[in-house]
Amino acid sequence: MKAIVQDAYGNADRLQLRDIDPPVPRDEEVLVRVRAAGVDPSVWHLMTGRPYFARLNPQIGLRKPAHRVRGWDAAGVVEAVGARVTSFKPGDEVFGQCDGSFAEFACGKTEQLAPKPAGLGFEQAAALPVSAVTALQGLDLARPGPGQEVLVIGASGGVGTYAVQLAVHYGARVTGVCGPTGAELVRSLGADDVIDYTREDITDRPVRYDFVLDSAGNRPLSRLRRVLAPRGTVVFVGGEDGGPVLGGTDRWIRGLVLSAFVGQKLRPVIAATRRQDLLRLTELVKAGAVTPVIDRTYPLTEAVTAVRHLESGHPRGKLVITV
């Protein structure tokens, strides 16, 4: 099969399209014929091996990637099932997380897959799992409701577009933070207001937010606390502007420690793709509350270009690779 393979940590130049043997599903896995795969920041982190402390995890790899094929998000058709699998059969259309989804075939655990939402194409379904689950679990940490003020930083990105839609669905008043090219998109998702970070800082307004989801880097805790209500919650998603060693996770730790001494809560979301959340997303899609936003699609042969786009720019919504 054809796959995007990486033998050493580094930039996108380390990624190569090769012919390799297809994976064999374990007893509780299914083999998926991949039709589309999402591209998200976790691909960049695994490609570069940053932050370095993550390499201590044997599933990541200390000196080189433990898994040679890149990609997590996937949507496709079940090709074969492991000996203990009863929830899926060959021919089923599924979406979720598969290790090494930038390939013609990839294996996934049954607890990380669900039936593909009816009415969605494979490209749209592949844009859901990691980013939408992250937004869903992030908002679950302090479910905002009617009358509450929500600030989504990085509102036009993969996680941000889902966070805006979910917060609107829950009845909150949503302000999105993004660049000038993303403002129209964020408003179309239901945001009541938009802050263009190139012209205005989040602290320039007198509003105090009940919930802040920061998916865009490493704004200082002091600045986030200035816009947060006395009993409000900040949720950190990633740490894209952090250093190579800790990658911004030091802010997570400082936030958790500070939360023990103040009324405000500052906590990270370490998302895990679970079948139950994929099924929740399916219901939200069915209800019209959540719609995947796709910036651009690339064929598998241009997957390296897709990763470079992720590295160098700010995609509006998700990038998707078609197989």
Protein backbone atom coordinates (compact mmCIF):
# COMPACT_ATOMS: atom_id res chain seq x y z
CA MET A 1 0.00 0.00 0.00
CA LYS A 2 1.01 3.64 -0.36
CA ALA A 3 1.67 5.57 2.86
CA ILE A 4 3.36 8.71 4.19
CA VAL A 5 6.33 7.33 6.08
CA GLN A 6 8.83 8.98 8.43
CA ASP A 7 12.01 7.31 9.70
CA ALA A 8 13.47 10.21 11.72
CA TYR A 9 12.20 13.29 13.53
CA GLY A 10 12.34 16.58 11.67
CA ASN A 11 10.38 18.88 9.39
CA ALA A 12 8.08 17.93 6.52
CA ASP A 13 11.10 17.02 4.39
CA ARG A 14 11.32 13.84 6.48
CA LEU A 15 7.95 12.65 5.15
CA GLN A 16 8.03 10.35 2.14
CA LEU A 17 5.39 8.62 0.05
CA ARG A 18 6.35 4.94 -0.06
CA ASP A 19 4.99 1.49 -0.81
CA ILE A 20 4.89 -0.58 2.39
CA ASP A 21 3.05 -3.65 3.65
CA PRO A 22 -0.46 -2.98 4.99
CA PRO A 23 -0.90 -3.34 8.75
CA VAL A 24 -2.53 -6.43 10.28
CA PRO A 25 -5.31 -5.78 12.81
CA ARG A 26 -4.90 -7.15 16.31
CA ASP A 27 -7.70 -9.09 18.00
CA GLU A 28 -9.62 -5.95 19.06
CA GLU A 29 -8.82 -3.80 16.02
CA VAL A 30 -10.26 -3.33 12.58
CA LEU A 31 -8.42 -2.71 9.34
CA VAL A 32 -9.84 0.36 7.61
CA ARG A 33 -9.51 1.17 3.94
CA VAL A 34 -8.88 4.89 4.42
CA ARG A 35 -10.89 7.23 2.23
CA ALA A 36 -9.92 10.48 3.97
CA ALA A 37 -7.65 11.60 6.81
CA GLY A 38 -7.63 14.83 8.81
CA VAL A 39 -4.51 16.92 9.39
CA ASP A 40 -4.15 18.51 12.82
CA PRO A 41 -1.34 19.91 15.02
CA SER A 42 -0.69 16.51 16.62
CA VAL A 43 0.71 15.43 13.24
CA TRP A 44 3.27 18.23 13.47
CA HIS A 45 4.21 17.31 17.05
CA LEU A 46 4.74 13.65 16.17
CA MET A 47 6.67 14.60 13.03
CA THR A 48 9.08 16.89 14.86
CA GLY A 49 9.20 15.00 18.14
CA ARG A 50 8.40 18.19 19.99
CA PRO A 51 8.01 18.87 22.83
CA TYR A 52 10.98 16.69 23.64
CA PHE A 53 9.63 15.45 26.95
CA ALA A 54 6.85 13.63 25.04
CA ARG A 55 9.48 11.29 23.60
CA LEU A 56 9.71 9.64 27.01
CA ASN A 57 6.43 7.96 26.11
CA PRO A 58 7.33 4.66 24.42
CA GLN A 59 4.30 5.12 22.14
CA ILE A 60 6.00 8.25 20.75
CA GLY A 61 9.61 7.09 20.52
CA LEU A 62 12.76 8.45 22.16
CA ARG A 63 15.22 8.63 19.24
CA LYS A 64 12.89 8.10 16.28
CA PRO A 65 9.13 7.82 15.75
CA ALA A 66 7.72 4.65 17.25
CA HIS A 67 5.10 4.61 14.49
CA ARG A 68 6.47 5.31 11.02
CA VAL A 69 3.22 6.32 9.30
CA ARG A 70 1.74 9.73 10.15
CA GLY A 71 -1.89 10.61 10.74
CA TRP A 72 -4.66 10.05 13.32
CA ASP A 73 -8.03 11.19 11.99
CA ALA A 74 -9.63 8.76 9.57
CA ALA A 75 -12.82 7.93 7.75
CA GLY A 76 -13.20 4.91 5.54
CA VAL A 77 -14.57 1.41 5.06
CA VAL A 78 -13.83 -1.61 7.24
CA GLU A 79 -11.73 -4.06 5.25
CA ALA A 80 -11.17 -6.74 7.91
CA VAL A 81 -11.74 -7.25 11.63
CA GLY A 82 -9.74 -8.80 14.44
CA ALA A 83 -10.67 -12.09 16.07
CA ARG A 84 -12.54 -10.48 19.00
CA VAL A 85 -14.36 -7.74 17.10
CA THR A 86 -18.15 -8.00 17.09
CA SER A 87 -19.18 -4.35 16.73
CA PHE A 88 -18.02 -3.92 13.11
CA LYS A 89 -17.94 -6.02 9.97
CA PRO A 90 -16.29 -5.63 6.57
CA GLY A 91 -18.05 -3.02 4.48
CA ASP A 92 -19.08 -0.78 7.41
CA GLU A 93 -18.37 2.92 6.93
CA VAL A 94 -16.58 4.29 10.00
CA PHE A 95 -14.78 7.35 11.34
CA GLY A 96 -12.52 7.98 14.30
CA GLN A 97 -8.87 7.49 15.17
CA CYS A 98 -6.54 5.13 13.34
CA ASP A 99 -2.80 5.06 13.87
CA GLY A 100 -1.09 5.93 10.59
CA SER A 101 -4.10 7.23 8.68
CA PHE A 102 -2.00 8.88 5.95
CA ALA A 103 -2.13 5.60 4.07
CA GLU A 104 -4.39 3.42 1.98
CA PHE A 105 -5.01 1.16 5.00
CA ALA A 106 -4.79 1.77 8.75
CA CYS A 107 -5.76 -0.07 11.92
CA GLY A 108 -7.99 1.35 14.62
CA LYS A 109 -9.23 0.17 18.00
CA THR A 110 -12.94 -0.46 18.16
CA GLU A 111 -13.35 1.89 21.13
CA GLN A 112 -11.94 4.72 19.01
CA LEU A 113 -14.23 4.21 16.02
CA ALA A 114 -17.93 4.73 15.31
CA PRO A 115 -20.28 4.46 12.32
CA LYS A 116 -19.80 7.35 9.91
CA PRO A 117 -22.54 9.97 10.38
CA ALA A 118 -25.22 9.61 7.73
CA GLY A 119 -25.23 12.53 5.34
CA LEU A 120 -21.53 13.32 5.74
CA GLY A 121 -18.97 12.49 3.09
CA PHE A 122 -15.73 10.79 4.02
CA GLU A 123 -13.85 14.11 3.86
CA GLN A 124 -16.23 15.77 6.31
CA ALA A 125 -16.21 12.78 8.64
CA ALA A 126 -12.40 12.70 8.66
CA ALA A 127 -12.39 16.35 9.80
CA LEU A 128 -14.29 15.48 12.98
CA PRO A 129 -12.48 13.06 15.32
CA VAL A 130 -9.45 14.65 16.99
CA SER A 131 -10.41 18.33 16.73
CA ALA A 132 -14.14 17.99 17.43
CA VAL A 133 -13.55 15.57 20.30
CA THR A 134 -10.99 17.99 21.78
CA ALA A 135 -13.50 20.85 21.64
CA LEU A 136 -16.25 18.65 23.08
CA GLN A 137 -14.15 17.43 25.99
CA GLY A 138 -12.79 20.93 26.58
CA LEU A 139 -16.26 22.41 26.98
CA ASP A 140 -17.27 19.46 29.15
CA LEU A 141 -14.79 20.71 31.78
CA ALA A 142 -17.11 23.64 32.51
CA ARG A 143 -20.20 23.39 30.33
CA PRO A 144 -21.19 26.98 29.46
CA GLY A 145 -24.90 27.70 29.33
CA PRO A 146 -27.46 30.38 28.45
CA GLY A 147 -26.46 33.87 29.52
CA GLN A 148 -22.79 33.03 29.97
CA GLU A 149 -19.97 34.73 28.12
CA VAL A 150 -17.54 32.47 26.21
CA LEU A 151 -14.25 33.46 24.57
CA VAL A 152 -12.74 31.09 21.98
CA ILE A 153 -9.13 31.94 21.12
CA GLY A 154 -8.11 30.46 17.79
CA ALA A 155 -11.76 30.43 16.73
CA SER A 156 -11.11 29.87 13.01
CA GLY A 157 -8.86 26.84 13.52
CA GLY A 158 -9.63 23.14 13.64
CA VAL A 159 -10.58 22.98 17.34
CA GLY A 160 -11.86 26.55 17.46
CA THR A 161 -14.51 26.15 14.77
CA TYR A 162 -16.02 23.26 16.71
CA ALA A 163 -15.76 25.07 20.05
CA VAL A 164 -17.65 28.07 18.68
CA GLN A 165 -20.45 25.87 17.32
CA LEU A 166 -20.74 23.85 20.53
CA ALA A 167 -20.81 26.92 22.78
CA VAL A 168 -23.50 28.48 20.58
CA HIS A 169 -25.47 25.23 20.74
CA TYR A 170 -25.28 25.32 24.53
CA GLY A 171 -26.82 28.80 24.49
CA ALA A 172 -23.79 30.89 25.47
CA ARG A 173 -22.86 34.26 24.02
CA VAL A 174 -19.67 33.60 22.06
CA THR A 175 -16.78 35.88 21.13
CA GLY A 176 -14.19 34.44 18.77
CA VAL A 177 -10.56 35.51 18.48
CA CYS A 178 -8.93 35.07 15.07
CA GLY A 179 -7.07 36.87 12.30
CA PRO A 180 -8.77 39.17 9.81
CA THR A 181 -9.26 36.43 7.21
CA GLY A 182 -11.21 34.26 9.63
CA ALA A 183 -13.71 36.79 10.97
CA GLU A 184 -16.45 36.13 8.43
CA LEU A 185 -16.18 32.36 8.97
CA VAL A 186 -16.36 32.68 12.77
CA ARG A 187 -19.45 34.87 12.56
CA SER A 188 -21.08 32.39 10.18
CA LEU A 189 -20.62 29.69 12.84
CA GLY A 190 -22.77 31.69 15.25
CA ALA A 191 -20.30 33.87 17.15
CA ASP A 192 -21.87 37.06 18.45
CA ASP A 193 -18.63 39.01 18.22
CA VAL A 194 -15.12 38.67 16.82
CA ILE A 195 -11.80 40.05 18.04
CA ASP A 196 -9.15 40.52 15.35
CA TYR A 197 -5.96 39.78 17.29
CA THR A 198 -3.87 41.77 14.80
CA ARG A 199 -5.70 44.94 15.84
CA GLU A 200 -6.95 44.35 19.34
CA ASP A 201 -5.82 42.49 22.44
CA ILE A 202 -8.28 40.34 24.36
CA THR A 203 -7.73 42.55 27.41
CA ASP A 204 -8.79 45.75 25.62
CA ARG A 205 -12.48 45.14 26.30
CA PRO A 206 -14.18 45.36 29.70
CA VAL A 207 -15.94 41.99 29.27
CA ARG A 208 -15.22 39.24 31.80
CA TYR A 209 -15.80 35.77 30.38
CA ASP A 210 -17.23 32.80 32.22
CA PHE A 211 -15.37 30.36 30.00
CA VAL A 212 -12.26 30.76 27.84
CA LEU A 213 -10.97 28.08 25.48
CA ASP A 214 -7.44 28.90 24.35
CA SER A 215 -6.45 26.81 21.35
CA ALA A 216 -3.97 29.25 19.87
CA GLY A 217 -0.75 29.20 21.84
CA ASN A 218 0.64 30.49 25.08
CA ARG A 219 -0.86 33.78 26.18
CA PRO A 220 0.42 34.54 29.70
CA LEU A 221 -1.78 33.34 32.54
CA SER A 222 -1.94 36.88 33.87
CA ARG A 223 -3.52 38.10 30.64
CA LEU A 224 -6.04 35.27 30.52
CA ARG A 225 -7.00 35.84 34.15
CA ARG A 226 -7.64 39.53 33.44
CA VAL A 227 -10.47 38.63 31.04
CA LEU A 228 -11.84 35.79 33.17
CA ALA A 229 -14.75 36.11 35.58
CA PRO A 230 -13.87 35.56 39.27
CA ARG A 231 -15.31 32.03 39.13
CA GLY A 232 -14.58 31.42 35.47
CA THR A 233 -12.66 28.62 33.75
CA VAL A 234 -9.85 28.69 31.20
CA VAL A 235 -9.18 25.52 29.21
CA PHE A 236 -5.83 25.16 27.43
CA VAL A 237 -5.67 23.19 24.18
CA GLY A 238 -2.10 22.49 23.15
CA GLY A 239 0.75 24.94 23.45
CA GLU A 240 1.81 25.72 19.93
CA ASP A 241 4.07 28.64 20.81
CA GLY A 242 5.91 26.89 23.62
CA GLY A 243 9.58 25.96 23.70
CA PRO A 244 11.02 22.74 22.26
CA VAL A 245 11.40 20.99 25.61
CA LEU A 246 8.06 21.53 27.34
CA GLY A 247 6.05 22.95 24.46
CA GLY A 248 3.94 25.19 26.67
CA THR A 249 2.89 22.43 29.05
CA ASP A 250 4.62 24.36 31.83
CA ARG A 251 1.71 26.80 31.54
CA TRP A 252 -0.66 23.89 32.15
CA ILE A 253 1.18 23.02 35.36
CA ARG A 254 1.30 26.61 36.59
CA GLY A 255 -2.41 26.97 35.83
CA LEU A 256 -3.33 23.86 37.78
CA VAL A 257 -1.25 24.97 40.77
CA LEU A 258 -2.72 28.48 40.70
CA SER A 259 -6.26 27.06 40.52
CA ALA A 260 -5.80 25.63 44.01
CA PHE A 261 -5.43 29.13 45.46
CA VAL A 262 -7.88 31.29 43.47
CA GLY A 263 -11.53 31.07 42.50
CA GLN A 264 -10.69 30.81 38.82
CA LYS A 265 -9.94 27.43 37.23
CA LEU A 266 -7.09 27.09 34.70
CA ARG A 267 -6.77 23.61 33.32
CA PRO A 268 -5.63 21.72 30.21
CA VAL A 269 -7.69 19.30 28.18
CA ILE A 270 -5.79 16.19 27.18
CA ALA A 271 -8.28 14.77 24.74
CA ALA A 272 -8.72 11.09 24.02
CA THR A 273 -10.82 9.88 21.12
CA ARG A 274 -13.57 7.66 22.54
CA ARG A 275 -16.45 5.91 20.85
CA GLN A 276 -18.98 7.52 23.19
CA ASP A 277 -17.84 11.01 22.18
CA LEU A 278 -17.85 10.11 18.49
CA LEU A 279 -21.47 9.01 18.93
CA ARG A 280 -22.27 12.29 20.71
CA LEU A 281 -20.79 14.17 17.77
CA THR A 282 -22.87 12.10 15.37
CA GLU A 283 -26.02 13.24 17.19
CA LEU A 284 -24.85 16.86 17.14
CA VAL A 285 -24.20 16.62 13.40
CA LYS A 286 -27.62 15.06 12.89
CA ALA A 287 -29.23 17.90 14.86
CA GLY A 288 -27.42 20.50 12.75
CA ALA A 289 -25.50 21.84 15.75
CA VAL A 290 -22.06 20.92 14.38
CA THR A 291 -20.81 21.06 10.80
CA PRO A 292 -17.18 20.29 9.86
CA VAL A 293 -15.30 23.21 8.32
CA ILE A 294 -12.73 22.19 5.71
CA ASP A 295 -10.14 24.67 4.52
CA ARG A 296 -8.68 22.53 1.74
CA THR A 297 -8.31 18.93 0.63
CA TYR A 298 -5.17 17.27 -0.77
CA PRO A 299 -4.63 13.88 -2.39
CA LEU A 300 -2.37 11.45 -0.54
CA THR A 301 0.41 12.20 -3.01
CA GLU A 302 0.38 15.81 -1.77
CA ALA A 303 0.19 15.05 1.95
CA VAL A 304 3.58 16.68 2.54
CA THR A 305 2.21 19.90 1.04
CA ALA A 306 -0.75 19.68 3.44
CA VAL A 307 1.58 19.37 6.43
CA ARG A 308 3.62 22.34 5.20
CA HIS A 309 0.38 24.34 4.94
CA LEU A 310 -0.33 23.42 8.55
CA GLU A 311 3.20 24.48 9.57
CA SER A 312 3.33 27.80 7.75
CA GLY A 313 -0.18 29.16 7.92
CA HIS A 314 -3.41 29.30 9.87
CA PRO A 315 -5.89 27.03 8.11
CA ARG A 316 -9.52 28.00 8.49
CA GLY A 317 -11.01 24.82 9.84
CA LYS A 318 -9.40 21.52 8.95
CA LEU A 319 -7.09 20.27 6.22
CA VAL A 320 -8.06 16.87 4.84
CA ILE A 321 -6.17 14.29 2.80
CA THR A 322 -8.14 12.16 0.38
CA VAL A 323 -7.02 8.62 -0.38
